[in-house]
Amino acid sequence: MSTTTVIVFGLLAALGIVAAFWGMSRPTASTGEMVQERLQAYGGERPLTLEEIELQRPFSERLIRPTMERLAKALGNRTPDRAREDLEGQLALAGRPGNLSASEFIALRYALLVIGGIIGLALGWLVSGQGSSPGWVLGLGGAGAAIGLFFPILYIRQKVQQRKRRIQVALPDALDLLTICVEAGLGFDAALARVTDKFTNALAAEFGQVLQEVRLGRSRLDALDAMGRRCKVEDLHNFIQAIIQSEQMGVGIAKILRLQSEEIRRKRRQRAQEKAAQASLKMMLPMIGCIFPTLWIILLGPAALVLIHSRST
């Protein structure tokens, strides 16, 4: 074999080795990406640009939310830490409506203050333009500003009361399921996970948050105690304190769960009986104000008409 042939075969072998290594080192697309590319090529689609992706987002996410975040950042530095912490607790207890933080909620209040004032001034100007006193302008403007400033607070308080009521109502059923799971041999954390899977309510969400905190490294007792203080429901707080004491003293948790379940059921019956006893008292006001005057008109009306007619004749 000649020297030229050997050199040619050597170069071909070197090129083959280089091509093999280059092919192995080249990043390959995943199966999902390959399928997506083929579907896009078949349908005539093209990848979206960043501007198009941004324009597909809702208007509130593109403009309103960033504006609220900038305003919240400016106002958050002027809000006392204590007031901001209390507001964070209220928002958490209310279920975090709109996924708002304390600073964003304060910014929303001031924004509604301005908007309510402008609407009130506009209404006052329309009323005063029809011949009324110019004082309507300032009066309605102040009323609109006050509504815009205090309406969010009233809304949050209402949401807090509703969520506490939902937790109170859901507690007996959750304790029954916890008791059954623990008596069946599950651990307390596994029983809590079963409750979060079974129910979709405020109490299940709170138990889910406890499990998440435990997974992140927080002790179970601290997470439960924080939930009891955060929810501010008396029966739930008493139940959590009983669980904590049983863990600290080494008492069987199944027995504690059974006792707590029976106690909460008993309290639930007592509340129902109290509301039933209060029903008669609450019905007296509409009866006196609405039903009795109607009966008097029906029974005494004809006699009164006869007396009036006899006196006129």
Protein backbone atom coordinates (compact mmCIF):
# COMPACT_ATOMS: atom_id res chain seq x y z
CA MET A 1 0.00 0.00 0.00
CA SER A 2 1.40 3.37 -0.96
CA THR A 3 2.11 6.17 1.44
CA THR A 4 -0.58 8.39 -0.16
CA THR A 5 -3.27 5.77 0.42
CA VAL A 6 -2.28 5.42 4.05
CA ILE A 7 -2.44 9.19 4.55
CA VAL A 8 -5.89 9.38 2.92
CA PHE A 9 -7.31 6.57 5.10
CA GLY A 10 -5.78 8.21 8.20
CA LEU A 11 -7.41 11.56 7.38
CA LEU A 12 -10.78 9.88 6.79
CA ALA A 13 -10.50 8.01 10.11
CA ALA A 14 -9.61 11.24 11.94
CA LEU A 15 -12.55 13.06 10.35
CA GLY A 16 -14.87 10.20 11.35
CA ILE A 17 -13.70 10.32 14.98
CA VAL A 18 -14.10 14.11 15.08
CA ALA A 19 -17.59 13.85 13.58
CA ALA A 20 -18.58 11.19 16.12
CA PHE A 21 -17.41 13.24 19.08
CA TRP A 22 -19.06 16.39 17.69
CA GLY A 23 -22.35 14.54 17.30
CA MET A 24 -22.20 13.21 20.87
CA SER A 25 -21.36 16.62 22.32
CA ARG A 26 -24.12 18.44 20.41
CA PRO A 27 -27.11 19.27 22.68
CA THR A 28 -30.19 17.36 21.65
CA ALA A 29 -33.72 18.66 22.04
CA SER A 30 -36.14 16.81 24.25
CA THR A 31 -39.00 14.79 22.82
CA GLY A 32 -41.54 17.41 23.87
CA GLU A 33 -39.59 20.20 22.20
CA MET A 34 -39.21 18.17 18.99
CA VAL A 35 -42.95 17.44 18.91
CA GLN A 36 -43.74 21.11 19.58
CA GLU A 37 -41.43 22.25 16.77
CA ARG A 38 -42.96 19.79 14.33
CA LEU A 39 -46.50 20.86 15.27
CA GLN A 40 -45.56 24.50 14.81
CA ALA A 41 -43.98 23.74 11.43
CA TYR A 42 -47.05 21.76 10.35
CA GLY A 43 -49.50 24.43 11.46
CA GLY A 44 -47.52 27.31 10.07
CA GLU A 45 -46.94 28.79 13.52
CA ARG A 46 -43.83 30.56 14.68
CA PRO A 47 -42.39 31.13 18.15
CA LEU A 48 -43.79 34.20 19.89
CA THR A 49 -41.54 37.14 20.61
CA LEU A 50 -41.18 38.68 24.06
CA GLU A 51 -43.32 41.64 23.03
CA GLU A 52 -46.12 39.37 21.82
CA ILE A 53 -45.98 37.32 25.02
CA GLU A 54 -46.16 40.54 27.05
CA LEU A 55 -49.15 41.79 25.06
CA GLN A 56 -51.02 38.52 25.67
CA ARG A 57 -51.04 39.16 29.42
CA PRO A 58 -54.15 40.81 30.92
CA PHE A 59 -54.28 44.60 31.13
CA SER A 60 -54.30 44.47 34.92
CA GLU A 61 -51.04 42.50 34.95
CA ARG A 62 -49.36 44.77 32.40
CA LEU A 63 -50.27 48.20 33.77
CA ILE A 64 -52.37 48.24 36.93
CA ARG A 65 -50.34 45.73 38.94
CA PRO A 66 -46.91 47.33 38.25
CA THR A 67 -48.34 50.77 39.08
CA MET A 68 -49.75 49.44 42.35
CA GLU A 69 -46.41 47.83 43.21
CA ARG A 70 -44.51 51.08 42.67
CA LEU A 71 -47.04 53.03 44.73
CA ALA A 72 -46.94 50.35 47.44
CA LYS A 73 -43.16 50.56 47.59
CA ALA A 74 -43.34 54.32 48.01
CA LEU A 75 -46.02 54.18 50.73
CA GLY A 76 -44.66 51.11 52.52
CA ASN A 77 -41.63 52.99 53.80
CA ARG A 78 -43.92 55.54 55.49
CA THR A 79 -46.12 52.96 57.22
CA PRO A 80 -45.16 51.90 60.78
CA ASP A 81 -43.90 48.34 61.06
CA ARG A 82 -46.47 47.45 63.70
CA ALA A 83 -49.39 48.61 61.55
CA ARG A 84 -48.01 46.78 58.53
CA GLU A 85 -47.62 43.53 60.51
CA ASP A 86 -51.19 43.78 61.82
CA LEU A 87 -52.46 44.37 58.32
CA GLU A 88 -50.50 41.38 57.03
CA GLY A 89 -52.18 39.24 59.67
CA GLN A 90 -55.63 40.51 58.68
CA LEU A 91 -54.97 39.84 55.00
CA ALA A 92 -53.68 36.34 55.75
CA LEU A 93 -56.73 35.61 57.89
CA ALA A 94 -59.01 36.92 55.14
CA GLY A 95 -57.50 34.46 52.67
CA ARG A 96 -55.21 36.97 50.91
CA PRO A 97 -57.86 38.48 48.55
CA GLY A 98 -56.33 39.51 45.26
CA ASN A 99 -52.98 38.16 46.49
CA LEU A 100 -52.30 41.61 47.96
CA SER A 101 -49.53 42.38 50.40
CA ALA A 102 -49.92 44.96 53.18
CA SER A 103 -48.12 47.67 51.18
CA GLU A 104 -50.22 46.97 48.09
CA PHE A 105 -53.41 47.10 50.17
CA ILE A 106 -52.43 50.50 51.57
CA ALA A 107 -51.71 51.72 48.04
CA LEU A 108 -55.12 50.42 46.93
CA ARG A 109 -56.83 52.37 49.71
CA TYR A 110 -55.19 55.64 48.69
CA ALA A 111 -55.95 54.97 45.02
CA LEU A 112 -59.62 54.38 45.87
CA LEU A 113 -59.52 57.53 47.99
CA VAL A 114 -58.53 59.59 44.95
CA ILE A 115 -60.94 57.79 42.61
CA GLY A 116 -63.84 58.07 45.05
CA GLY A 117 -63.13 61.77 45.59
CA ILE A 118 -63.09 62.42 41.85
CA ILE A 119 -66.35 60.54 41.33
CA GLY A 120 -67.97 62.39 44.25
CA LEU A 121 -66.82 65.77 42.91
CA ALA A 122 -68.18 64.91 39.47
CA LEU A 123 -71.56 63.90 40.92
CA GLY A 124 -71.63 67.04 43.06
CA TRP A 125 -70.85 69.19 40.04
CA LEU A 126 -73.69 67.57 38.08
CA VAL A 127 -76.11 68.12 40.96
CA SER A 128 -75.03 71.73 41.51
CA GLY A 129 -75.35 72.37 37.79
CA GLN A 130 -79.10 71.76 38.10
CA GLY A 131 -79.61 74.66 40.50
CA SER A 132 -78.61 73.08 43.82
CA SER A 133 -76.21 74.52 46.36
CA PRO A 134 -72.47 74.42 45.46
CA GLY A 135 -71.91 72.73 48.81
CA TRP A 136 -73.00 69.49 47.17
CA VAL A 137 -69.71 69.42 45.29
CA LEU A 138 -67.54 69.32 48.41
CA GLY A 139 -70.00 67.16 50.31
CA LEU A 140 -70.24 64.43 47.70
CA GLY A 141 -66.51 64.68 47.03
CA GLY A 142 -65.73 64.10 50.71
CA ALA A 143 -68.27 61.28 50.91
CA GLY A 144 -66.75 59.56 47.86
CA ALA A 145 -63.24 59.91 49.29
CA ALA A 146 -64.35 58.49 52.65
CA ILE A 147 -66.04 55.53 50.97
CA GLY A 148 -62.95 54.83 48.89
CA LEU A 149 -60.70 55.00 51.97
CA PHE A 150 -62.74 52.90 54.41
CA PHE A 151 -64.52 50.45 52.11
CA PRO A 152 -61.43 48.17 51.74
CA ILE A 153 -61.12 47.94 55.53
CA LEU A 154 -64.78 46.98 55.90
CA TYR A 155 -64.40 44.47 53.07
CA ILE A 156 -61.38 42.84 54.73
CA ARG A 157 -63.19 42.64 58.07
CA GLN A 158 -66.15 40.97 56.39
CA LYS A 159 -63.86 38.47 54.65
CA VAL A 160 -62.14 37.74 57.98
CA GLN A 161 -65.46 37.01 59.69
CA GLN A 162 -66.61 34.82 56.82
CA ARG A 163 -63.38 32.82 56.79
CA LYS A 164 -63.43 32.34 60.57
CA ARG A 165 -67.00 31.12 60.29
CA ARG A 166 -66.02 28.66 57.56
CA ILE A 167 -63.17 27.35 59.69
CA GLN A 168 -65.52 26.99 62.65
CA VAL A 169 -68.05 25.04 60.57
CA ALA A 170 -65.44 22.78 58.94
CA LEU A 171 -63.62 21.91 62.18
CA PRO A 172 -65.86 19.05 63.48
CA ASP A 173 -65.76 17.10 60.20
CA ALA A 174 -62.00 17.59 59.91
CA LEU A 175 -61.47 16.35 63.48
CA ASP A 176 -63.61 13.27 62.80
CA LEU A 177 -61.49 12.41 59.77
CA LEU A 178 -58.29 13.07 61.72
CA THR A 179 -59.48 10.76 64.51
CA ILE A 180 -60.38 7.97 62.09
CA CYS A 181 -57.05 8.24 60.24
CA VAL A 182 -54.95 8.25 63.42
CA GLU A 183 -56.89 5.35 64.95
CA ALA A 184 -56.39 3.46 61.68
CA GLY A 185 -52.63 3.70 62.12
CA LEU A 186 -51.60 6.81 60.18
CA GLY A 187 -49.25 9.38 61.65
CA PHE A 188 -50.52 12.85 62.48
CA ASP A 189 -48.81 14.45 59.46
CA ALA A 190 -50.24 11.80 57.14
CA ALA A 191 -53.69 12.35 58.68
CA LEU A 192 -53.38 16.10 58.05
CA ALA A 193 -52.40 15.36 54.45
CA ARG A 194 -55.50 13.15 54.11
CA VAL A 195 -57.68 16.01 55.40
CA THR A 196 -56.18 18.44 52.87
CA ASP A 197 -56.87 15.93 50.10
CA LYS A 198 -60.44 15.23 51.24
CA PHE A 199 -61.69 18.78 51.86
CA THR A 200 -61.38 22.00 49.88
CA ASN A 201 -62.12 24.71 52.43
CA ALA A 202 -60.33 27.31 54.53
CA LEU A 203 -59.37 24.84 57.28
CA ALA A 204 -57.85 22.42 54.77
CA ALA A 205 -55.84 25.30 53.31
CA GLU A 206 -54.51 26.15 56.77
CA PHE A 207 -53.55 22.51 57.38
CA GLY A 208 -51.83 22.49 54.00
CA GLN A 209 -49.81 25.54 55.01
CA VAL A 210 -48.78 23.75 58.22
CA LEU A 211 -47.56 20.74 56.24
CA GLN A 212 -45.65 23.00 53.86
CA GLU A 213 -43.91 24.74 56.76
CA VAL A 214 -43.00 21.36 58.27
CA ARG A 215 -41.50 20.25 54.97
CA LEU A 216 -39.42 23.42 54.89
CA GLY A 217 -37.88 22.58 58.28
CA ARG A 218 -40.16 24.17 60.88
CA SER A 219 -41.15 22.00 63.80
CA ARG A 220 -44.68 20.65 63.73
CA LEU A 221 -45.65 22.11 67.11
CA ASP A 222 -44.46 25.59 66.13
CA ALA A 223 -46.34 25.42 62.83
CA LEU A 224 -49.54 24.31 64.57
CA ASP A 225 -49.21 26.99 67.24
CA ALA A 226 -48.70 29.64 64.54
CA MET A 227 -51.82 28.43 62.75
CA GLY A 228 -53.89 28.66 65.93
CA ARG A 229 -52.72 32.21 66.60
CA ARG A 230 -53.18 33.19 62.95
CA CYS A 231 -56.74 31.91 62.53
CA LYS A 232 -58.06 33.36 65.84
CA VAL A 233 -60.80 30.72 66.14
CA GLU A 234 -61.30 29.71 69.77
CA ASP A 235 -62.18 26.04 69.17
CA LEU A 236 -59.29 25.57 66.76
CA HIS A 237 -56.88 27.24 69.18
CA ASN A 238 -58.05 24.98 72.02
CA PHE A 239 -57.66 21.90 69.83
CA ILE A 240 -54.12 22.87 68.81
CA GLN A 241 -53.12 23.56 72.42
CA ALA A 242 -54.42 20.12 73.40
CA ILE A 243 -52.35 18.53 70.62
CA ILE A 244 -49.25 20.43 71.72
CA GLN A 245 -49.72 19.38 75.35
CA SER A 246 -50.23 15.75 74.34
CA GLU A 247 -47.01 15.83 72.32
CA GLN A 248 -45.08 17.39 75.18
CA MET A 249 -46.47 15.06 77.85
CA GLY A 250 -46.38 11.87 75.78
CA VAL A 251 -50.13 11.22 75.84
CA GLY A 252 -51.62 9.19 73.00
CA ILE A 253 -52.77 11.53 70.27
CA ALA A 254 -55.67 9.31 69.17
CA LYS A 255 -57.34 9.65 72.59
CA ILE A 256 -56.88 13.44 72.53
CA LEU A 257 -58.38 13.64 69.06
CA ARG A 258 -61.39 11.60 70.14
CA LEU A 259 -61.99 13.81 73.18
CA GLN A 260 -61.56 17.01 71.19
CA SER A 261 -63.92 15.79 68.48
CA GLU A 262 -66.64 15.01 71.03
CA GLU A 263 -66.10 18.34 72.79
CA ILE A 264 -66.38 20.35 69.58
CA ARG A 265 -69.49 18.43 68.57
CA ARG A 266 -71.01 19.25 71.96
CA LYS A 267 -70.18 22.94 71.56
CA ARG A 268 -71.69 22.89 68.09
CA ARG A 269 -74.98 21.54 69.47
CA GLN A 270 -74.95 24.19 72.20
CA ARG A 271 -74.52 26.97 69.65
CA ALA A 272 -77.39 25.58 67.60
CA GLN A 273 -79.60 25.48 70.68
CA GLU A 274 -78.66 29.05 71.60
CA LYS A 275 -79.52 30.29 68.11
CA ALA A 276 -82.82 28.42 68.24
CA ALA A 277 -83.63 30.06 71.60
CA GLN A 278 -82.75 33.49 70.21
CA ALA A 279 -84.99 33.03 67.18
CA SER A 280 -88.20 33.86 69.09
CA LEU A 281 -86.71 37.08 70.43
CA LYS A 282 -85.44 38.12 67.01
CA MET A 283 -88.87 37.48 65.50
CA MET A 284 -90.61 39.86 67.91
CA LEU A 285 -89.38 43.04 66.20
CA PRO A 286 -90.69 42.22 62.69
CA MET A 287 -93.92 40.87 64.21
CA ILE A 288 -94.52 44.04 66.22
CA GLY A 289 -93.47 46.36 63.42
CA CYS A 290 -94.97 44.60 60.40
CA ILE A 291 -97.54 41.92 61.27
CA PHE A 292 -99.45 43.47 64.17
CA PRO A 293 -100.15 46.82 62.41
CA THR A 294 -101.55 44.88 59.46
CA LEU A 295 -103.84 42.86 61.74
CA TRP A 296 -105.03 46.02 63.48
CA ILE A 297 -105.85 47.63 60.16
CA ILE A 298 -107.78 44.57 59.00
CA LEU A 299 -109.67 44.07 62.30
CA LEU A 300 -110.22 47.66 63.42
CA GLY A 301 -110.31 49.37 60.02
CA PRO A 302 -114.01 48.70 59.24
CA ALA A 303 -115.08 49.83 62.72
CA ALA A 304 -113.05 53.02 62.39
CA LEU A 305 -114.62 53.74 59.01
CA VAL A 306 -118.11 53.23 60.47
CA LEU A 307 -117.36 55.65 63.38
CA ILE A 308 -115.95 58.25 61.01
CA HIS A 309 -118.98 57.97 58.71
CA SER A 310 -121.46 58.19 61.61
CA ARG A 311 -119.80 61.34 62.96
CA SER A 312 -119.77 63.01 59.58
CA THR A 313 -123.50 62.39 59.15
